[in-house]
N, C-alpha and C. Protein backbone atom coordinates (compact mmCIF):
# COMPACT_ATOMS: atom_id res chain seq x y z
N MET A 1 -125.05 -40.94 -55.21
CA MET A 1 -125.09 -42.39 -56.18
C MET A 1 -123.65 -42.19 -57.24
N ALA A 2 -123.07 -43.81 -56.66
CA ALA A 2 -121.76 -44.07 -57.79
C ALA A 2 -122.52 -43.83 -59.27
N LEU A 3 -120.76 -43.70 -60.27
CA LEU A 3 -121.70 -43.36 -61.37
C LEU A 3 -120.70 -44.72 -61.44
N PRO A 4 -121.42 -45.68 -63.50
CA PRO A 4 -120.87 -46.06 -63.82
C PRO A 4 -119.37 -46.35 -64.48
N ARG A 5 -118.53 -47.01 -63.82
CA ARG A 5 -117.09 -46.30 -64.29
C ARG A 5 -116.38 -45.92 -65.78
N SER A 6 -117.52 -46.81 -66.12
CA SER A 6 -117.35 -46.22 -67.90
C SER A 6 -118.01 -45.35 -68.42
N ARG A 7 -118.62 -45.01 -67.84
CA ARG A 7 -120.14 -43.42 -68.57
C ARG A 7 -118.60 -42.76 -68.69
N ILE A 8 -119.10 -41.99 -69.60
CA ILE A 8 -118.23 -40.97 -70.13
C ILE A 8 -119.12 -39.51 -69.39
N VAL A 9 -118.50 -39.11 -69.20
CA VAL A 9 -118.30 -37.63 -68.61
C VAL A 9 -117.79 -36.34 -69.42
N SER A 10 -118.21 -34.99 -68.77
CA SER A 10 -117.61 -34.01 -69.88
C SER A 10 -117.49 -32.19 -68.47
N ALA A 11 -116.19 -31.92 -68.27
CA ALA A 11 -116.13 -31.13 -67.67
C ALA A 11 -115.17 -30.06 -68.46
N GLN A 12 -115.51 -28.55 -68.31
CA GLN A 12 -115.26 -27.62 -68.86
C GLN A 12 -113.96 -27.50 -67.69
N VAL A 13 -112.24 -27.11 -68.63
CA VAL A 13 -111.44 -26.27 -68.54
C VAL A 13 -111.53 -24.89 -68.80
N VAL A 14 -110.79 -23.60 -67.98
CA VAL A 14 -111.15 -22.45 -67.79
C VAL A 14 -109.61 -22.17 -67.33
N LEU A 15 -108.31 -21.88 -68.03
CA LEU A 15 -106.91 -20.93 -68.37
C LEU A 15 -106.83 -20.34 -67.45
N ARG A 16 -105.94 -19.60 -67.39
CA ARG A 16 -106.01 -18.55 -66.86
C ARG A 16 -105.45 -16.91 -68.24
N SER A 17 -104.85 -16.26 -67.68
CA SER A 17 -104.56 -15.89 -69.36
C SER A 17 -102.68 -15.89 -69.64
N ALA A 18 -102.65 -14.97 -70.54
CA ALA A 18 -101.60 -14.64 -70.91
C ALA A 18 -100.46 -14.80 -70.15
N GLU A 19 -100.97 -14.11 -68.65
CA GLU A 19 -99.88 -13.71 -67.82
C GLU A 19 -100.23 -14.49 -66.56
N HIS A 20 -101.12 -16.01 -66.62
CA HIS A 20 -100.99 -16.56 -65.90
C HIS A 20 -102.25 -15.98 -64.41
N THR A 21 -102.82 -15.26 -64.87
CA THR A 21 -104.21 -14.54 -63.65
C THR A 21 -105.26 -15.69 -64.52
N PRO A 22 -105.76 -15.27 -63.42
CA PRO A 22 -106.96 -16.89 -63.42
C PRO A 22 -108.45 -15.44 -63.23
N PRO A 23 -108.94 -15.48 -64.19
CA PRO A 23 -110.73 -14.47 -63.95
C PRO A 23 -111.00 -14.31 -62.95
N ASN A 24 -112.00 -13.24 -62.35
CA ASN A 24 -112.35 -12.99 -61.28
C ASN A 24 -113.67 -13.64 -61.17
N LYS A 25 -114.88 -13.14 -60.05
CA LYS A 25 -116.00 -13.52 -59.66
C LYS A 25 -116.32 -12.51 -60.18
N THR A 26 -115.25 -10.71 -60.22
CA THR A 26 -116.48 -9.69 -60.41
C THR A 26 -116.41 -9.00 -61.55
N ALA A 27 -115.13 -10.29 -63.04
CA ALA A 27 -115.26 -9.06 -63.82
C ALA A 27 -116.03 -10.09 -65.15
N THR A 28 -116.31 -8.80 -65.86
CA THR A 28 -117.56 -9.04 -66.57
C THR A 28 -116.22 -9.26 -68.23
N ILE A 29 -116.35 -10.51 -68.86
CA ILE A 29 -115.99 -11.29 -69.34
C ILE A 29 -116.66 -10.61 -70.74
N THR A 30 -116.88 -10.28 -72.13
CA THR A 30 -117.41 -9.16 -73.03
C THR A 30 -116.35 -9.55 -73.99
N THR A 31 -116.94 -9.18 -75.24
CA THR A 31 -116.31 -9.72 -76.97
C THR A 31 -115.23 -8.09 -76.71
N ALA A 32 -115.55 -7.08 -75.45
CA ALA A 32 -114.65 -6.30 -75.45
C ALA A 32 -112.99 -6.12 -74.94
N THR A 33 -113.73 -7.15 -73.37
CA THR A 33 -112.37 -7.37 -73.12
C THR A 33 -112.21 -8.77 -72.29
N LEU A 34 -112.07 -9.76 -73.09
CA LEU A 34 -111.97 -10.85 -73.71
C LEU A 34 -110.35 -11.08 -73.57
N LYS A 35 -110.10 -10.02 -74.85
CA LYS A 35 -108.64 -9.81 -75.29
C LYS A 35 -107.79 -9.98 -73.69
N ASN A 36 -108.57 -9.36 -72.28
CA ASN A 36 -107.51 -9.16 -71.18
C ASN A 36 -107.90 -10.42 -70.31
N PHE A 37 -108.25 -11.46 -71.20
CA PHE A 37 -108.24 -12.67 -69.92
C PHE A 37 -108.12 -14.56 -71.55
N VAL A 38 -107.37 -13.89 -72.15
CA VAL A 38 -107.04 -15.16 -73.26
C VAL A 38 -105.67 -15.49 -73.23
N PRO A 39 -105.66 -17.23 -72.64
CA PRO A 39 -104.67 -17.35 -72.98
C PRO A 39 -103.34 -17.67 -73.88
N SER A 40 -102.11 -17.23 -73.40
CA SER A 40 -101.63 -17.57 -74.91
C SER A 40 -101.61 -18.97 -75.42
N HIS A 41 -101.26 -18.91 -76.89
CA HIS A 41 -101.44 -20.18 -77.69
C HIS A 41 -100.27 -21.22 -77.09
N ALA A 42 -99.16 -20.99 -76.74
CA ALA A 42 -98.44 -22.08 -75.80
C ALA A 42 -98.67 -22.67 -75.04
N ASP A 43 -99.32 -21.50 -74.06
CA ASP A 43 -100.63 -22.94 -72.79
C ASP A 43 -101.53 -22.83 -73.55
N VAL A 44 -102.46 -22.67 -74.22
CA VAL A 44 -103.16 -23.62 -75.13
C VAL A 44 -103.30 -24.97 -75.43
N ASN A 45 -101.77 -25.12 -75.58
CA ASN A 45 -101.36 -26.16 -76.68
C ASN A 45 -101.09 -26.94 -75.59
N ARG A 46 -100.78 -26.45 -74.39
CA ARG A 46 -99.71 -27.42 -72.91
C ARG A 46 -100.82 -28.24 -72.70
N SER A 47 -101.85 -27.06 -72.71
CA SER A 47 -102.76 -27.58 -71.62
C SER A 47 -103.43 -28.90 -72.32
N LEU A 48 -103.44 -28.46 -74.31
CA LEU A 48 -105.00 -29.31 -74.66
C LEU A 48 -103.55 -30.87 -74.81
N LYS A 49 -102.07 -31.13 -75.26
CA LYS A 49 -101.65 -31.76 -74.83
C LYS A 49 -101.31 -33.01 -72.87
N LEU A 50 -101.96 -32.16 -72.62
CA LEU A 50 -102.01 -32.75 -71.25
C LEU A 50 -103.14 -33.92 -70.86
N PHE A 51 -104.25 -33.29 -70.83
CA PHE A 51 -105.39 -33.95 -71.02
C PHE A 51 -105.15 -35.05 -72.06
N ARG A 52 -105.39 -34.66 -73.92
CA ARG A 52 -105.11 -35.78 -74.33
C ARG A 52 -103.58 -37.48 -74.42
N SER A 53 -102.73 -36.86 -74.19
CA SER A 53 -102.17 -37.52 -73.38
C SER A 53 -102.64 -38.20 -71.95
N SER A 54 -103.54 -38.22 -71.07
CA SER A 54 -104.19 -38.12 -70.28
C SER A 54 -105.10 -39.18 -70.16
N GLY A 55 -105.30 -38.72 -71.06
CA GLY A 55 -106.39 -39.97 -71.92
C GLY A 55 -108.04 -39.14 -71.95
N PHE A 56 -107.80 -38.10 -72.26
CA PHE A 56 -109.53 -37.39 -72.35
C PHE A 56 -109.57 -36.73 -73.82
N GLU A 57 -110.97 -37.09 -74.04
CA GLU A 57 -111.34 -36.08 -75.62
C GLU A 57 -111.16 -34.82 -75.57
N VAL A 58 -110.64 -33.69 -75.92
CA VAL A 58 -110.49 -32.71 -76.14
C VAL A 58 -111.57 -31.90 -76.99
N GLY A 59 -112.33 -30.98 -76.60
CA GLY A 59 -113.07 -29.83 -77.26
C GLY A 59 -111.84 -28.65 -78.22
N PRO A 60 -112.37 -28.13 -78.70
CA PRO A 60 -112.08 -27.02 -78.96
C PRO A 60 -111.99 -25.70 -78.13
N MET A 61 -110.85 -25.19 -78.10
CA MET A 61 -110.66 -23.60 -77.21
C MET A 61 -111.95 -22.77 -77.65
N VAL A 62 -112.85 -22.35 -77.09
CA VAL A 62 -113.71 -21.00 -77.12
C VAL A 62 -113.55 -20.29 -75.66
N GLY A 63 -112.90 -19.25 -75.98
CA GLY A 63 -112.76 -17.74 -75.97
C GLY A 63 -111.67 -18.40 -74.52
N ILE A 64 -111.60 -18.58 -73.12
CA ILE A 64 -111.11 -19.02 -72.41
C ILE A 64 -111.28 -20.47 -71.59
N SER A 65 -111.84 -20.89 -72.62
CA SER A 65 -111.58 -22.81 -72.12
C SER A 65 -111.87 -23.68 -73.29
N PHE A 66 -112.25 -24.65 -72.85
CA PHE A 66 -112.43 -26.58 -73.77
C PHE A 66 -112.84 -26.88 -72.65
N SER A 67 -113.61 -27.94 -73.70
CA SER A 67 -114.24 -29.59 -72.98
C SER A 67 -112.53 -30.53 -72.81
N ILE A 68 -113.24 -30.83 -71.69
CA ILE A 68 -112.88 -32.55 -71.80
C ILE A 68 -113.83 -33.34 -71.85
N GLY A 69 -113.59 -34.63 -72.28
CA GLY A 69 -114.45 -35.82 -71.70
C GLY A 69 -114.06 -37.05 -71.61
N ALA A 70 -114.41 -38.08 -70.45
CA ALA A 70 -113.53 -39.37 -70.61
C ALA A 70 -114.84 -39.98 -69.68
N PRO A 71 -113.90 -41.74 -69.78
CA PRO A 71 -115.39 -42.61 -68.74
C PRO A 71 -114.85 -41.89 -67.45
N VAL A 72 -115.49 -41.77 -66.50
CA VAL A 72 -115.44 -41.96 -65.00
C VAL A 72 -114.12 -42.22 -64.79
N ASP A 73 -113.90 -43.45 -64.97
CA ASP A 73 -112.64 -44.27 -64.91
C ASP A 73 -111.14 -43.06 -64.62
N THR A 74 -111.34 -42.21 -65.88
CA THR A 74 -110.33 -41.37 -66.35
C THR A 74 -110.00 -40.45 -65.41
N PHE A 75 -111.26 -39.79 -65.73
CA PHE A 75 -111.28 -38.20 -64.09
C PHE A 75 -110.75 -38.82 -62.95
N GLU A 76 -110.97 -39.89 -62.15
CA GLU A 76 -110.42 -40.38 -60.76
C GLU A 76 -108.89 -40.82 -60.80
N ARG A 77 -108.66 -41.55 -61.93
CA ARG A 77 -107.03 -41.52 -61.87
C ARG A 77 -106.71 -40.73 -62.19
N VAL A 78 -107.14 -39.62 -63.00
CA VAL A 78 -106.01 -38.30 -63.30
C VAL A 78 -106.16 -37.09 -62.15
N PHE A 79 -107.34 -37.20 -61.49
CA PHE A 79 -107.95 -36.34 -60.44
C PHE A 79 -107.62 -36.79 -58.99
N ARG A 80 -107.64 -37.95 -58.77
CA ARG A 80 -107.37 -38.15 -57.42
C ARG A 80 -108.70 -37.93 -56.27
N VAL A 81 -110.24 -38.32 -57.52
CA VAL A 81 -111.46 -38.36 -56.92
C VAL A 81 -111.99 -39.19 -56.65
N ARG A 82 -113.18 -39.28 -55.90
CA ARG A 82 -114.24 -40.33 -56.36
C ARG A 82 -115.54 -39.23 -56.96
N LEU A 83 -116.36 -39.52 -58.43
CA LEU A 83 -116.96 -39.19 -58.81
C LEU A 83 -118.20 -39.33 -58.74
N ARG A 84 -119.35 -39.11 -58.46
CA ARG A 84 -120.82 -39.47 -58.04
C ARG A 84 -121.78 -38.48 -58.51
N GLU A 85 -123.24 -39.19 -59.05
CA GLU A 85 -124.50 -38.73 -59.58
C GLU A 85 -124.90 -37.42 -58.25
N SER A 86 -125.35 -36.17 -58.69
CA SER A 86 -125.48 -35.34 -57.60
C SER A 86 -127.18 -35.99 -57.81
N LYS A 87 -128.23 -35.52 -56.73
CA LYS A 87 -129.43 -35.36 -56.21
C LYS A 87 -129.84 -35.43 -57.40
N ARG A 88 -129.39 -34.40 -58.19
CA ARG A 88 -130.67 -33.35 -59.25
C ARG A 88 -129.80 -34.15 -60.92
N GLY A 89 -129.21 -35.36 -61.02
CA GLY A 89 -128.60 -35.71 -62.02
C GLY A 89 -127.68 -34.63 -62.50
N GLY A 90 -126.69 -34.13 -62.12
CA GLY A 90 -125.50 -33.56 -62.13
C GLY A 90 -124.46 -34.79 -61.23
N VAL A 91 -122.90 -34.26 -62.00
CA VAL A 91 -121.81 -34.83 -61.85
C VAL A 91 -120.99 -33.92 -61.24
N GLU A 92 -120.31 -34.57 -59.99
CA GLU A 92 -119.35 -33.76 -58.82
C GLU A 92 -118.46 -34.96 -58.70
N ALA A 93 -117.83 -33.73 -58.00
CA ALA A 93 -116.50 -34.57 -57.57
C ALA A 93 -116.20 -34.41 -55.62
N VAL A 94 -115.96 -35.92 -55.40
CA VAL A 94 -116.12 -36.59 -53.64
C VAL A 94 -114.18 -35.99 -54.00
N ILE A 95 -113.55 -35.39 -52.53
CA ILE A 95 -112.52 -34.73 -53.11
C ILE A 95 -111.95 -36.09 -51.77
N ALA A 96 -111.09 -35.23 -51.53
CA ALA A 96 -109.77 -36.36 -49.78
C ALA A 96 -109.97 -36.45 -48.94
N ASP A 97 -110.67 -35.17 -48.81
CA ASP A 97 -111.23 -34.46 -47.15
C ASP A 97 -112.58 -35.26 -47.07
N GLY A 98 -113.52 -35.48 -48.35
CA GLY A 98 -115.02 -36.05 -47.94
C GLY A 98 -115.86 -35.12 -48.78
N SER A 99 -115.21 -34.12 -48.90
CA SER A 99 -115.92 -32.69 -49.10
C SER A 99 -117.12 -33.05 -50.76
N VAL A 100 -117.91 -32.44 -51.15
CA VAL A 100 -118.10 -32.79 -52.32
C VAL A 100 -118.15 -31.05 -52.97
N THR A 101 -117.59 -31.00 -54.05
CA THR A 101 -118.02 -30.18 -55.45
C THR A 101 -117.42 -30.20 -56.70
N LEU A 102 -117.92 -29.43 -57.04
CA LEU A 102 -118.26 -29.56 -58.47
C LEU A 102 -116.69 -28.85 -59.09
N ASP A 103 -115.74 -28.68 -58.41
CA ASP A 103 -114.14 -28.38 -58.95
C ASP A 103 -113.02 -29.25 -58.17
N LEU A 104 -112.94 -29.68 -60.13
CA LEU A 104 -111.84 -30.78 -59.66
C LEU A 104 -110.69 -30.53 -58.88
N PRO A 105 -110.02 -31.35 -58.80
CA PRO A 105 -108.31 -30.38 -57.70
C PRO A 105 -107.49 -30.79 -58.90
N ILE A 106 -107.06 -29.10 -58.70
CA ILE A 106 -105.87 -29.12 -59.97
C ILE A 106 -104.57 -29.51 -59.52
N ASP A 107 -104.48 -29.25 -58.10
CA ASP A 107 -103.22 -29.55 -57.51
C ASP A 107 -102.55 -30.96 -57.64
N ALA A 108 -104.16 -32.31 -58.63
CA ALA A 108 -103.48 -33.12 -58.93
C ALA A 108 -102.93 -33.27 -60.15
N LEU A 109 -102.82 -32.05 -60.85
CA LEU A 109 -101.91 -32.54 -62.19
C LEU A 109 -100.90 -32.05 -61.99
N PRO A 110 -99.07 -32.43 -62.99
CA PRO A 110 -98.88 -32.09 -63.12
C PRO A 110 -98.24 -30.57 -63.10
N ALA A 111 -97.38 -30.08 -61.37
CA ALA A 111 -97.41 -28.62 -61.51
C ALA A 111 -97.85 -28.01 -63.12
N ALA A 112 -96.72 -27.79 -63.82
CA ALA A 112 -96.21 -27.04 -64.80
C ALA A 112 -97.23 -26.95 -65.92
N GLU A 113 -98.44 -27.63 -65.22
CA GLU A 113 -99.64 -27.38 -66.22
C GLU A 113 -100.86 -26.86 -65.41
N ALA A 114 -100.82 -26.67 -64.35
CA ALA A 114 -101.82 -26.81 -62.94
C ALA A 114 -101.47 -25.12 -63.35
N GLU A 115 -100.27 -24.96 -63.26
CA GLU A 115 -100.60 -23.50 -62.86
C GLU A 115 -100.98 -22.28 -64.41
N LEU A 116 -101.33 -23.58 -65.29
CA LEU A 116 -101.72 -22.39 -66.64
C LEU A 116 -103.70 -22.92 -66.76
N ILE A 117 -104.09 -23.03 -65.41
CA ILE A 117 -105.49 -23.05 -65.28
C ILE A 117 -106.01 -22.44 -64.63
N ALA A 118 -106.70 -22.28 -64.71
CA ALA A 118 -108.27 -21.40 -63.40
C ALA A 118 -108.80 -22.63 -63.10
N ALA A 119 -109.34 -23.02 -63.47
CA ALA A 119 -110.46 -24.49 -62.41
C ALA A 119 -110.89 -25.23 -64.04
N VAL A 120 -110.43 -26.76 -63.45
CA VAL A 120 -112.22 -27.66 -64.16
C VAL A 120 -112.54 -28.04 -63.17
N THR A 121 -114.48 -27.87 -63.91
CA THR A 121 -115.18 -27.74 -63.32
C THR A 121 -116.28 -28.77 -64.18
N PHE A 122 -117.36 -29.72 -63.50
CA PHE A 122 -118.34 -29.94 -64.17
C PHE A 122 -119.76 -28.38 -64.15
N PRO A 123 -120.27 -29.17 -65.14
CA PRO A 123 -121.42 -28.39 -65.37
C PRO A 123 -122.61 -27.71 -63.68
N PRO A 124 -122.97 -27.62 -63.27
CA PRO A 124 -124.24 -27.64 -62.72
C PRO A 124 -125.01 -28.38 -63.17
N ALA A 125 -126.20 -29.27 -62.61
CA ALA A 125 -127.04 -30.03 -63.23
C ALA A 125 -128.09 -28.61 -63.36
N PRO A 126 -128.93 -28.61 -64.29
CA PRO A 126 -130.63 -27.76 -64.76
C PRO A 126 -131.00 -27.71 -63.85
N GLU A 127 -131.38 -26.92 -63.61
CA GLU A 127 -132.64 -25.84 -62.13
C GLU A 127 -133.88 -25.82 -63.02
N PHE A 128 -134.13 -26.74 -64.20
CA PHE A 128 -135.32 -26.77 -64.17
C PHE A 128 -135.71 -28.74 -65.26
N GLY A 129 -136.58 -29.57 -65.43
CA GLY A 129 -137.11 -30.64 -65.94
C GLY A 129 -136.93 -31.89 -65.01
N PRO A 130 -136.52 -32.62 -64.94
CA PRO A 130 -136.62 -33.58 -64.02
C PRO A 130 -135.71 -33.69 -62.77
N GLY A 131 -136.23 -33.63 -61.80
CA GLY A 131 -135.75 -33.67 -60.71
C GLY A 131 -135.56 -32.45 -60.12
N ALA A 132 -135.96 -31.23 -61.05
CA ALA A 132 -135.68 -30.10 -60.21
C ALA A 132 -136.27 -29.45 -58.90
N PRO A 133 -136.33 -28.52 -58.35
CA PRO A 133 -136.66 -28.64 -56.80
C PRO A 133 -137.78 -27.55 -57.53
């Protein structure tokens, strides 16, 4: 279902480590291992600046990520996607090839900043409450 263009939505920006390696699916991030995944201060500042200058409200950096929020039309313009509401009430992106995903295409961002980012993703809809299976 289409979303109103003025509706405010949010996503999570996950940054790469200071060495620009992305977190992997098998790594466990704990308070003891977090130092291996933390981005550099310079990379954090560049990423925050990119999203602020693109029209997003940005949340504080927490661990390896921060949130961004903006109207639907800002997300669609910056990431070159169409957003829609999922069947369970979350937000999902329809990318150029017509596939649907929670992850936004990082390659739509300027290359110098895109290399700092591991993922920009919408949180999945909860598996409980209204609309739950």
